[in-house]
């Protein structure tokens, strides 16, 4: 799990992308139990 957040942090810092939205279903799972970290990115 900590790798998930480390990769998310690293991606957010890359100059060729801009993060526009995040949904953290690990911290707040969906009612069915789904756990994942979603990022919407724009390639700049």
ModelCIF file with pLDDT and N, C-alpha, C, O atoms, coordinates in Angstrom:
data_MODEL
#
_entry.id   MODEL 
#
_entity.id                         1 
_entity.type                       polymer 
_entity.pdbx_number_of_molecules   1 
#
_entity_poly.entity_id                      1 
_entity_poly.type                           'polypeptide(L)' 
_entity_poly.nstd_linkage                   no 
_entity_poly.nstd_monomer                   no 
_entity_poly.pdbx_seq_one_letter_code       
;(UNK)(UNK)(UNK)(UNK)(UNK)(UNK)(UNK)(UNK)(UNK)(UNK)(UNK)(UNK)(UNK)(UNK)(UNK)(UNK)
(UNK)(UNK)(UNK)(UNK)(UNK)(UNK)(UNK)(UNK)(UNK)(UNK)(UNK)(UNK)(UNK)(UNK)(UNK)(UNK)
(UNK)(UNK)(UNK)(UNK)(UNK)(UNK)(UNK)(UNK)(UNK)(UNK)(UNK)(UNK)
;
_entity_poly.pdbx_seq_one_letter_code_can   XXXXXXXXXXXXXXXXXXXXXXXXXXXXXXXXXXXXXXXXXXXX 
_entity_poly.pdbx_strand_id                 A 
#
loop_
_entity_poly_seq.entity_id 
_entity_poly_seq.num 
_entity_poly_seq.mon_id 
_entity_poly_seq.hetero 
1 1  UNK n 
1 2  UNK n 
1 3  UNK n 
1 4  UNK n 
1 5  UNK n 
1 6  UNK n 
1 7  UNK n 
1 8  UNK n 
1 9  UNK n 
1 10 UNK n 
1 11 UNK n 
1 12 UNK n 
1 13 UNK n 
1 14 UNK n 
1 15 UNK n 
1 16 UNK n 
1 17 UNK n 
1 18 UNK n 
1 19 UNK n 
1 20 UNK n 
1 21 UNK n 
1 22 UNK n 
1 23 UNK n 
1 24 UNK n 
1 25 UNK n 
1 26 UNK n 
1 27 UNK n 
1 28 UNK n 
1 29 UNK n 
1 30 UNK n 
1 31 UNK n 
1 32 UNK n 
1 33 UNK n 
1 34 UNK n 
1 35 UNK n 
1 36 UNK n 
1 37 UNK n 
1 38 UNK n 
1 39 UNK n 
1 40 UNK n 
1 41 UNK n 
1 42 UNK n 
1 43 UNK n 
1 44 UNK n 
#
_struct_asym.id          A 
_struct_asym.entity_id   1 
#
loop_
_ma_qa_metric.id 
_ma_qa_metric.mode 
_ma_qa_metric.name 
_ma_qa_metric.software_group_id 
_ma_qa_metric.type 
1 global pLDDT . pLDDT 
2 local  pLDDT . pLDDT 
#
_ma_qa_metric_global.metric_id      1 
_ma_qa_metric_global.metric_value   94.39 
_ma_qa_metric_global.model_id       1 
_ma_qa_metric_global.ordinal_id     1 
#
loop_
_ma_qa_metric_local.label_asym_id 
_ma_qa_metric_local.label_comp_id 
_ma_qa_metric_local.label_seq_id 
_ma_qa_metric_local.metric_id 
_ma_qa_metric_local.metric_value 
_ma_qa_metric_local.model_id 
_ma_qa_metric_local.ordinal_id 
A UNK 1  2 91.00 1 1  
A UNK 2  2 91.00 1 2  
A UNK 3  2 92.00 1 3  
A UNK 4  2 94.00 1 4  
A UNK 5  2 94.00 1 5  
A UNK 6  2 92.00 1 6  
A UNK 7  2 94.00 1 7  
A UNK 8  2 96.00 1 8  
A UNK 9  2 95.00 1 9  
A UNK 10 2 94.00 1 10 
A UNK 11 2 95.00 1 11 
A UNK 12 2 95.00 1 12 
A UNK 13 2 95.00 1 13 
A UNK 14 2 96.00 1 14 
A UNK 15 2 96.00 1 15 
A UNK 16 2 96.00 1 16 
A UNK 17 2 95.00 1 17 
A UNK 18 2 96.00 1 18 
A UNK 19 2 96.00 1 19 
A UNK 20 2 96.00 1 20 
A UNK 21 2 96.00 1 21 
A UNK 22 2 97.00 1 22 
A UNK 23 2 97.00 1 23 
A UNK 24 2 97.00 1 24 
A UNK 25 2 96.00 1 25 
A UNK 26 2 95.00 1 26 
A UNK 27 2 94.00 1 27 
A UNK 28 2 95.00 1 28 
A UNK 29 2 92.00 1 29 
A UNK 30 2 91.00 1 30 
A UNK 31 2 90.00 1 31 
A UNK 32 2 88.00 1 32 
A UNK 33 2 86.00 1 33 
A UNK 34 2 88.00 1 34 
A UNK 35 2 92.00 1 35 
A UNK 36 2 95.00 1 36 
A UNK 37 2 97.00 1 37 
A UNK 38 2 97.00 1 38 
A UNK 39 2 97.00 1 39 
A UNK 40 2 97.00 1 40 
A UNK 41 2 97.00 1 41 
A UNK 42 2 97.00 1 42 
A UNK 43 2 97.00 1 43 
A UNK 44 2 96.00 1 44 
#
loop_
_atom_site.group_PDB 
_atom_site.id 
_atom_site.type_symbol 
_atom_site.label_atom_id 
_atom_site.label_alt_id 
_atom_site.label_comp_id 
_atom_site.label_asym_id 
_atom_site.label_entity_id 
_atom_site.label_seq_id 
_atom_site.pdbx_PDB_ins_code 
_atom_site.Cartn_x 
_atom_site.Cartn_y 
_atom_site.Cartn_z 
_atom_site.occupancy 
_atom_site.B_iso_or_equiv 
_atom_site.pdbx_formal_charge 
_atom_site.auth_seq_id 
_atom_site.auth_comp_id 
_atom_site.auth_asym_id 
_atom_site.auth_atom_id 
_atom_site.pdbx_PDB_model_num 
ATOM 1   N N  . UNK A 1 1  ? 0.820   -1.209 0.000   1.00 91.00 ? 1  UNK A N  1 
ATOM 2   C CA . UNK A 1 1  ? 0.000   0.000  0.000   1.00 91.00 ? 1  UNK A CA 1 
ATOM 3   C C  . UNK A 1 1  ? 0.854   1.259  0.000   1.00 91.00 ? 1  UNK A C  1 
ATOM 4   O O  . UNK A 1 1  ? 0.527   2.225  -0.690  1.00 91.00 ? 1  UNK A O  1 
ATOM 5   N N  . UNK A 1 2  ? 1.943   1.263  0.764   1.00 91.00 ? 2  UNK A N  1 
ATOM 6   C CA . UNK A 1 2  ? 2.754   2.487  0.786   1.00 91.00 ? 2  UNK A CA 1 
ATOM 7   C C  . UNK A 1 2  ? 3.413   2.751  -0.564  1.00 91.00 ? 2  UNK A C  1 
ATOM 8   O O  . UNK A 1 2  ? 3.718   3.899  -0.888  1.00 91.00 ? 2  UNK A O  1 
ATOM 9   N N  . UNK A 1 3  ? 3.638   1.696  -1.358  1.00 92.00 ? 3  UNK A N  1 
ATOM 10  C CA . UNK A 1 3  ? 4.154   1.890  -2.718  1.00 92.00 ? 3  UNK A CA 1 
ATOM 11  C C  . UNK A 1 3  ? 3.124   2.610  -3.588  1.00 92.00 ? 3  UNK A C  1 
ATOM 12  O O  . UNK A 1 3  ? 3.481   3.444  -4.419  1.00 92.00 ? 3  UNK A O  1 
ATOM 13  N N  . UNK A 1 4  ? 1.841   2.282  -3.391  1.00 94.00 ? 4  UNK A N  1 
ATOM 14  C CA . UNK A 1 4  ? 0.773   2.960  -4.145  1.00 94.00 ? 4  UNK A CA 1 
ATOM 15  C C  . UNK A 1 4  ? 0.871   4.463  -3.926  1.00 94.00 ? 4  UNK A C  1 
ATOM 16  O O  . UNK A 1 4  ? 0.858   5.241  -4.880  1.00 94.00 ? 4  UNK A O  1 
ATOM 17  N N  . UNK A 1 5  ? 0.970   4.866  -2.664  1.00 94.00 ? 5  UNK A N  1 
ATOM 18  C CA . UNK A 1 5  ? 1.019   6.299  -2.355  1.00 94.00 ? 5  UNK A CA 1 
ATOM 19  C C  . UNK A 1 5  ? 2.339   6.926  -2.803  1.00 94.00 ? 5  UNK A C  1 
ATOM 20  O O  . UNK A 1 5  ? 2.375   8.092  -3.197  1.00 94.00 ? 5  UNK A O  1 
ATOM 21  N N  . UNK A 1 6  ? 3.421   6.150  -2.742  1.00 92.00 ? 6  UNK A N  1 
ATOM 22  C CA . UNK A 1 6  ? 4.718   6.671  -3.188  1.00 92.00 ? 6  UNK A CA 1 
ATOM 23  C C  . UNK A 1 6  ? 4.716   6.922  -4.697  1.00 92.00 ? 6  UNK A C  1 
ATOM 24  O O  . UNK A 1 6  ? 5.232   7.937  -5.165  1.00 92.00 ? 6  UNK A O  1 
ATOM 25  N N  . UNK A 1 7  ? 4.134   5.990  -5.450  1.00 94.00 ? 7  UNK A N  1 
ATOM 26  C CA . UNK A 1 7  ? 4.048   6.158  -6.905  1.00 94.00 ? 7  UNK A CA 1 
ATOM 27  C C  . UNK A 1 7  ? 3.128   7.336  -7.237  1.00 94.00 ? 7  UNK A C  1 
ATOM 28  O O  . UNK A 1 7  ? 3.426   8.123  -8.136  1.00 94.00 ? 7  UNK A O  1 
ATOM 29  N N  . UNK A 1 8  ? 2.018   7.454  -6.516  1.00 96.00 ? 8  UNK A N  1 
ATOM 30  C CA . UNK A 1 8  ? 1.086   8.571  -6.750  1.00 96.00 ? 8  UNK A CA 1 
ATOM 31  C C  . UNK A 1 8  ? 1.777   9.907  -6.506  1.00 96.00 ? 8  UNK A C  1 
ATOM 32  O O  . UNK A 1 8  ? 1.606   10.852 -7.277  1.00 96.00 ? 8  UNK A O  1 
ATOM 33  N N  . UNK A 1 9  ? 2.556   9.981  -5.438  1.00 95.00 ? 9  UNK A N  1 
ATOM 34  C CA . UNK A 1 9  ? 3.271   11.221 -5.112  1.00 95.00 ? 9  UNK A CA 1 
ATOM 35  C C  . UNK A 1 9  ? 4.320   11.534 -6.172  1.00 95.00 ? 9  UNK A C  1 
ATOM 36  O O  . UNK A 1 9  ? 4.472   12.683 -6.589  1.00 95.00 ? 9  UNK A O  1 
ATOM 37  N N  . UNK A 1 10 ? 5.037   10.507 -6.601  1.00 94.00 ? 10 UNK A N  1 
ATOM 38  C CA . UNK A 1 10 ? 6.071   10.697 -7.627  1.00 94.00 ? 10 UNK A CA 1 
ATOM 39  C C  . UNK A 1 10 ? 5.442   11.161 -8.943  1.00 94.00 ? 10 UNK A C  1 
ATOM 40  O O  . UNK A 1 10 ? 5.944   12.084 -9.584  1.00 94.00 ? 10 UNK A O  1 
ATOM 41  N N  . UNK A 1 11 ? 4.338   10.516 -9.343  1.00 95.00 ? 11 UNK A N  1 
ATOM 42  C CA . UNK A 1 11 ? 3.671   10.907 -10.585 1.00 95.00 ? 11 UNK A CA 1 
ATOM 43  C C  . UNK A 1 11 ? 3.203   12.361 -10.528 1.00 95.00 ? 11 UNK A C  1 
ATOM 44  O O  . UNK A 1 11 ? 3.353   13.112 -11.492 1.00 95.00 ? 11 UNK A O  1 
ATOM 45  N N  . UNK A 1 12 ? 2.636   12.743 -9.385  1.00 95.00 ? 12 UNK A N  1 
ATOM 46  C CA . UNK A 1 12 ? 2.119   14.105 -9.228  1.00 95.00 ? 12 UNK A CA 1 
ATOM 47  C C  . UNK A 1 12 ? 3.206   15.159 -9.404  1.00 95.00 ? 12 UNK A C  1 
ATOM 48  O O  . UNK A 1 12 ? 2.923   16.298 -9.778  1.00 95.00 ? 12 UNK A O  1 
ATOM 49  N N  . UNK A 1 13 ? 4.447   14.772 -9.134  1.00 95.00 ? 13 UNK A N  1 
ATOM 50  C CA . UNK A 1 13 ? 5.564   15.727 -9.200  1.00 95.00 ? 13 UNK A CA 1 
ATOM 51  C C  . UNK A 1 13 ? 6.219   15.797 -10.577 1.00 95.00 ? 13 UNK A C  1 
ATOM 52  O O  . UNK A 1 13 ? 7.119   16.610 -10.785 1.00 95.00 ? 13 UNK A O  1 
ATOM 53  N N  . UNK A 1 14 ? 5.784   14.962 -11.518 1.00 96.00 ? 14 UNK A N  1 
ATOM 54  C CA . UNK A 1 14 ? 6.436   14.947 -12.831 1.00 96.00 ? 14 UNK A CA 1 
ATOM 55  C C  . UNK A 1 14 ? 6.031   16.164 -13.660 1.00 96.00 ? 14 UNK A C  1 
ATOM 56  O O  . UNK A 1 14 ? 4.851   16.510 -13.720 1.00 96.00 ? 14 UNK A O  1 
ATOM 57  N N  . UNK A 1 15 ? 7.004   16.813 -14.299 1.00 96.00 ? 15 UNK A N  1 
ATOM 58  C CA . UNK A 1 15 ? 6.715   18.062 -15.021 1.00 96.00 ? 15 UNK A CA 1 
ATOM 59  C C  . UNK A 1 15 ? 5.854   17.887 -16.263 1.00 96.00 ? 15 UNK A C  1 
ATOM 60  O O  . UNK A 1 15 ? 5.240   18.850 -16.723 1.00 96.00 ? 15 UNK A O  1 
ATOM 61  N N  . UNK A 1 16 ? 5.795   16.681 -16.813 1.00 96.00 ? 16 UNK A N  1 
ATOM 62  C CA . UNK A 1 16 ? 5.042   16.498 -18.056 1.00 96.00 ? 16 UNK A CA 1 
ATOM 63  C C  . UNK A 1 16 ? 3.564   16.187 -17.832 1.00 96.00 ? 16 UNK A C  1 
ATOM 64  O O  . UNK A 1 16 ? 2.821   15.989 -18.793 1.00 96.00 ? 16 UNK A O  1 
ATOM 65  N N  . UNK A 1 17 ? 3.130   16.141 -16.561 1.00 95.00 ? 17 UNK A N  1 
ATOM 66  C CA . UNK A 1 17 ? 1.720   15.887 -16.293 1.00 95.00 ? 17 UNK A CA 1 
ATOM 67  C C  . UNK A 1 17 ? 1.167   16.893 -15.295 1.00 95.00 ? 17 UNK A C  1 
ATOM 68  O O  . UNK A 1 17 ? 1.889   17.483 -14.491 1.00 95.00 ? 17 UNK A O  1 
ATOM 69  N N  . UNK A 1 18 ? -0.154  17.063 -15.384 1.00 96.00 ? 18 UNK A N  1 
ATOM 70  C CA . UNK A 1 18 ? -0.867  17.900 -14.412 1.00 96.00 ? 18 UNK A CA 1 
ATOM 71  C C  . UNK A 1 18 ? -2.008  17.068 -13.850 1.00 96.00 ? 18 UNK A C  1 
ATOM 72  O O  . UNK A 1 18 ? -2.855  16.569 -14.591 1.00 96.00 ? 18 UNK A O  1 
ATOM 73  N N  . UNK A 1 19 ? -2.016  16.927 -12.539 1.00 96.00 ? 19 UNK A N  1 
ATOM 74  C CA . UNK A 1 19 ? -3.065  16.155 -11.868 1.00 96.00 ? 19 UNK A CA 1 
ATOM 75  C C  . UNK A 1 19 ? -4.299  17.040 -11.727 1.00 96.00 ? 19 UNK A C  1 
ATOM 76  O O  . UNK A 1 19 ? -4.204  18.166 -11.237 1.00 96.00 ? 19 UNK A O  1 
ATOM 77  N N  . UNK A 1 20 ? -5.462  16.533 -12.157 1.00 96.00 ? 20 UNK A N  1 
ATOM 78  C CA . UNK A 1 20 ? -6.686  17.333 -12.073 1.00 96.00 ? 20 UNK A CA 1 
ATOM 79  C C  . UNK A 1 20 ? -7.691  16.785 -11.056 1.00 96.00 ? 20 UNK A C  1 
ATOM 80  O O  . UNK A 1 20 ? -8.555  17.526 -10.587 1.00 96.00 ? 20 UNK A O  1 
ATOM 81  N N  . UNK A 1 21 ? -7.590  15.510 -10.714 1.00 96.00 ? 21 UNK A N  1 
ATOM 82  C CA . UNK A 1 21 ? -8.531  14.939 -9.743  1.00 96.00 ? 21 UNK A CA 1 
ATOM 83  C C  . UNK A 1 21 ? -7.946  13.654 -9.151  1.00 96.00 ? 21 UNK A C  1 
ATOM 84  O O  . UNK A 1 21 ? -7.149  12.962 -9.784  1.00 96.00 ? 21 UNK A O  1 
ATOM 85  N N  . UNK A 1 22 ? -8.363  13.363 -7.933  1.00 97.00 ? 22 UNK A N  1 
ATOM 86  C CA . UNK A 1 22 ? -7.940  12.138 -7.239  1.00 97.00 ? 22 UNK A CA 1 
ATOM 87  C C  . UNK A 1 22 ? -9.149  11.544 -6.535  1.00 97.00 ? 22 UNK A C  1 
ATOM 88  O O  . UNK A 1 22 ? -9.948  12.268 -5.940  1.00 97.00 ? 22 UNK A O  1 
ATOM 89  N N  . UNK A 1 23 ? -9.279  10.232 -6.602  1.00 97.00 ? 23 UNK A N  1 
ATOM 90  C CA . UNK A 1 23 ? -10.261 9.506  -5.795  1.00 97.00 ? 23 UNK A CA 1 
ATOM 91  C C  . UNK A 1 23 ? -9.499  8.402  -5.071  1.00 97.00 ? 23 UNK A C  1 
ATOM 92  O O  . UNK A 1 23 ? -8.980  7.475  -5.693  1.00 97.00 ? 23 UNK A O  1 
ATOM 93  N N  . UNK A 1 24 ? -9.442  8.516  -3.750  1.00 97.00 ? 24 UNK A N  1 
ATOM 94  C CA . UNK A 1 24 ? -8.693  7.552  -2.947  1.00 97.00 ? 24 UNK A CA 1 
ATOM 95  C C  . UNK A 1 24 ? -9.661  6.526  -2.357  1.00 97.00 ? 24 UNK A C  1 
ATOM 96  O O  . UNK A 1 24 ? -10.213 6.713  -1.273  1.00 97.00 ? 24 UNK A O  1 
ATOM 97  N N  . UNK A 1 25 ? -9.850  5.431  -3.110  1.00 96.00 ? 25 UNK A N  1 
ATOM 98  C CA . UNK A 1 25 ? -10.725 4.363  -2.641  1.00 96.00 ? 25 UNK A CA 1 
ATOM 99  C C  . UNK A 1 25 ? -9.983  3.379  -1.731  1.00 96.00 ? 25 UNK A C  1 
ATOM 100 O O  . UNK A 1 25 ? -10.552 2.367  -1.320  1.00 96.00 ? 25 UNK A O  1 
ATOM 101 N N  . UNK A 1 26 ? -8.729  3.669  -1.417  1.00 95.00 ? 26 UNK A N  1 
ATOM 102 C CA . UNK A 1 26 ? -8.024  2.875  -0.408  1.00 95.00 ? 26 UNK A CA 1 
ATOM 103 C C  . UNK A 1 26 ? -8.373  3.440  0.965   1.00 95.00 ? 26 UNK A C  1 
ATOM 104 O O  . UNK A 1 26 ? -8.737  2.701  1.879   1.00 95.00 ? 26 UNK A O  1 
ATOM 105 N N  . UNK A 1 27 ? -8.257  4.748  1.096   1.00 94.00 ? 27 UNK A N  1 
ATOM 106 C CA . UNK A 1 27 ? -8.618  5.402  2.355   1.00 94.00 ? 27 UNK A CA 1 
ATOM 107 C C  . UNK A 1 27 ? -10.120 5.334  2.608   1.00 94.00 ? 27 UNK A C  1 
ATOM 108 O O  . UNK A 1 27 ? -10.563 5.182  3.747   1.00 94.00 ? 27 UNK A O  1 
ATOM 109 N N  . UNK A 1 28 ? -10.903 5.450  1.525   1.00 95.00 ? 28 UNK A N  1 
ATOM 110 C CA . UNK A 1 28 ? -12.368 5.394  1.632   1.00 95.00 ? 28 UNK A CA 1 
ATOM 111 C C  . UNK A 1 28 ? -12.888 4.416  0.589   1.00 95.00 ? 28 UNK A C  1 
ATOM 112 O O  . UNK A 1 28 ? -13.233 4.822  -0.521  1.00 95.00 ? 28 UNK A O  1 
ATOM 113 N N  . UNK A 1 29 ? -12.949 3.124  0.933   1.00 92.00 ? 29 UNK A N  1 
ATOM 114 C CA . UNK A 1 29 ? -13.371 2.116  -0.054  1.00 92.00 ? 29 UNK A CA 1 
ATOM 115 C C  . UNK A 1 29 ? -14.816 2.322  -0.503  1.00 92.00 ? 29 UNK A C  1 
ATOM 116 O O  . UNK A 1 29 ? -15.633 2.899  0.215   1.00 92.00 ? 29 UNK A O  1 
ATOM 117 N N  . UNK A 1 30 ? -15.107 1.838  -1.702  1.00 91.00 ? 30 UNK A N  1 
ATOM 118 C CA . UNK A 1 30 ? -16.491 1.819  -2.168  1.00 91.00 ? 30 UNK A CA 1 
ATOM 119 C C  . UNK A 1 30 ? -17.295 0.835  -1.306  1.00 91.00 ? 30 UNK A C  1 
ATOM 120 O O  . UNK A 1 30 ? -16.708 -0.044 -0.675  1.00 91.00 ? 30 UNK A O  1 
ATOM 121 N N  . UNK A 1 31 ? -18.617 0.969  -1.269  1.00 90.00 ? 31 UNK A N  1 
ATOM 122 C CA . UNK A 1 31 ? -19.432 0.076  -0.434  1.00 90.00 ? 31 UNK A CA 1 
ATOM 123 C C  . UNK A 1 31 ? -19.230 -1.410 -0.723  1.00 90.00 ? 31 UNK A C  1 
ATOM 124 O O  . UNK A 1 31 ? -19.384 -2.242 0.171   1.00 90.00 ? 31 UNK A O  1 
ATOM 125 N N  . UNK A 1 32 ? -18.886 -1.746 -1.963  1.00 88.00 ? 32 UNK A N  1 
ATOM 126 C CA . UNK A 1 32 ? -18.680 -3.158 -2.302  1.00 88.00 ? 32 UNK A CA 1 
ATOM 127 C C  . UNK A 1 32 ? -17.303 -3.680 -1.883  1.00 88.00 ? 32 UNK A C  1 
ATOM 128 O O  . UNK A 1 32 ? -17.011 -4.864 -2.048  1.00 88.00 ? 32 UNK A O  1 
ATOM 129 N N  . UNK A 1 33 ? -16.451 -2.790 -1.338  1.00 86.00 ? 33 UNK A N  1 
ATOM 130 C CA . UNK A 1 33 ? -15.125 -3.206 -0.890  1.00 86.00 ? 33 UNK A CA 1 
ATOM 131 C C  . UNK A 1 33 ? -13.996 -2.824 -1.825  1.00 86.00 ? 33 UNK A C  1 
ATOM 132 O O  . UNK A 1 33 ? -12.830 -3.053 -1.504  1.00 86.00 ? 33 UNK A O  1 
ATOM 133 N N  . UNK A 1 34 ? -14.315 -2.247 -2.974  1.00 88.00 ? 34 UNK A N  1 
ATOM 134 C CA . UNK A 1 34 ? -13.296 -1.862 -3.965  1.00 88.00 ? 34 UNK A CA 1 
ATOM 135 C C  . UNK A 1 34 ? -12.295 -0.880 -3.366  1.00 88.00 ? 34 UNK A C  1 
ATOM 136 O O  . UNK A 1 34 ? -12.675 0.127  -2.768  1.00 88.00 ? 34 UNK A O  1 
ATOM 137 N N  . UNK A 1 35 ? -11.001 -1.191 -3.539  1.00 92.00 ? 35 UNK A N  1 
ATOM 138 C CA . UNK A 1 35 ? -9.932  -0.335 -3.028  1.00 92.00 ? 35 UNK A CA 1 
ATOM 139 C C  . UNK A 1 35 ? -8.904  -0.079 -4.131  1.00 92.00 ? 35 UNK A C  1 
ATOM 140 O O  . UNK A 1 35 ? -8.280  -1.005 -4.649  1.00 92.00 ? 35 UNK A O  1 
ATOM 141 N N  . UNK A 1 36 ? -8.746  1.176  -4.470  1.00 95.00 ? 36 UNK A N  1 
ATOM 142 C CA . UNK A 1 36 ? -7.791  1.570  -5.499  1.00 95.00 ? 36 UNK A CA 1 
ATOM 143 C C  . UNK A 1 36 ? -7.603  3.072  -5.402  1.00 95.00 ? 36 UNK A C  1 
ATOM 144 O O  . UNK A 1 36 ? -8.442  3.775  -4.840  1.00 95.00 ? 36 UNK A O  1 
ATOM 145 N N  . UNK A 1 37 ? -6.498  3.564  -5.951  1.00 97.00 ? 37 UNK A N  1 
ATOM 146 C CA . UNK A 1 37 ? -6.205  4.995  -5.946  1.00 97.00 ? 37 UNK A CA 1 
ATOM 147 C C  . UNK A 1 37 ? -6.287  5.476  -7.384  1.00 97.00 ? 37 UNK A C  1 
ATOM 148 O O  . UNK A 1 37 ? -5.512  5.030  -8.230  1.00 97.00 ? 37 UNK A O  1 
ATOM 149 N N  . UNK A 1 38 ? -7.223  6.388  -7.675  1.00 97.00 ? 38 UNK A N  1 
ATOM 150 C CA . UNK A 1 38 ? -7.440  6.860  -9.035  1.00 97.00 ? 38 UNK A CA 1 
ATOM 151 C C  . UNK A 1 38 ? -6.942  8.289  -9.194  1.00 97.00 ? 38 UNK A C  1 
ATOM 152 O O  . UNK A 1 38 ? -7.190  9.140  -8.340  1.00 97.00 ? 38 UNK A O  1 
ATOM 153 N N  . UNK A 1 39 ? -6.247  8.543  -10.279 1.00 97.00 ? 39 UNK A N  1 
ATOM 154 C CA . UNK A 1 39 ? -5.771  9.885  -10.607 1.00 97.00 ? 39 UNK A CA 1 
ATOM 155 C C  . UNK A 1 39 ? -6.196  10.225 -12.023 1.00 97.00 ? 39 UNK A C  1 
ATOM 156 O O  . UNK A 1 39 ? -6.035  9.417  -12.937 1.00 97.00 ? 39 UNK A O  1 
ATOM 157 N N  . UNK A 1 40 ? -6.740  11.425 -12.205 1.00 97.00 ? 40 UNK A N  1 
ATOM 158 C CA . UNK A 1 40 ? -6.988  11.948 -13.550 1.00 97.00 ? 40 UNK A CA 1 
ATOM 159 C C  . UNK A 1 40 ? -5.846  12.900 -13.866 1.00 97.00 ? 40 UNK A C  1 
ATOM 160 O O  . UNK A 1 40 ? -5.599  13.864 -13.141 1.00 97.00 ? 40 UNK A O  1 
ATOM 161 N N  . UNK A 1 41 ? -5.151  12.610 -14.967 1.00 97.00 ? 41 UNK A N  1 
ATOM 162 C CA . UNK A 1 41 ? -3.962  13.370 -15.351 1.00 97.00 ? 41 UNK A CA 1 
ATOM 163 C C  . UNK A 1 41 ? -4.125  13.949 -16.750 1.00 97.00 ? 41 UNK A C  1 
ATOM 164 O O  . UNK A 1 41 ? -4.740  13.338 -17.624 1.00 97.00 ? 41 UNK A O  1 
ATOM 165 N N  . UNK A 1 42 ? -3.565  15.130 -16.942 1.00 97.00 ? 42 UNK A N  1 
ATOM 166 C CA . UNK A 1 42 ? -3.465  15.717 -18.283 1.00 97.00 ? 42 UNK A CA 1 
ATOM 167 C C  . UNK A 1 42 ? -1.988  15.758 -18.648 1.00 97.00 ? 42 UNK A C  1 
ATOM 168 O O  . UNK A 1 42 ? -1.165  16.279 -17.896 1.00 97.00 ? 42 UNK A O  1 
ATOM 169 N N  . UNK A 1 43 ? -1.668  15.209 -19.796 1.00 97.00 ? 43 UNK A N  1 
ATOM 170 C CA . UNK A 1 43 ? -0.289  15.279 -20.278 1.00 97.00 ? 43 UNK A CA 1 
ATOM 171 C C  . UNK A 1 43 ? -0.055  16.674 -20.846 1.00 97.00 ? 43 UNK A C  1 
ATOM 172 O O  . UNK A 1 43 ? -0.772  17.120 -21.742 1.00 97.00 ? 43 UNK A O  1 
ATOM 173 N N  . UNK A 1 44 ? 0.940   17.345 -20.321 1.00 96.00 ? 44 UNK A N  1 
ATOM 174 C CA . UNK A 1 44 ? 1.199   18.737 -20.732 1.00 96.00 ? 44 UNK A CA 1 
ATOM 175 C C  . UNK A 1 44 ? 2.382   18.863 -21.676 1.00 96.00 ? 44 UNK A C  1 
ATOM 176 O O  . UNK A 1 44 ? 2.716   19.968 -22.103 1.00 96.00 ? 44 UNK A O  1 
#
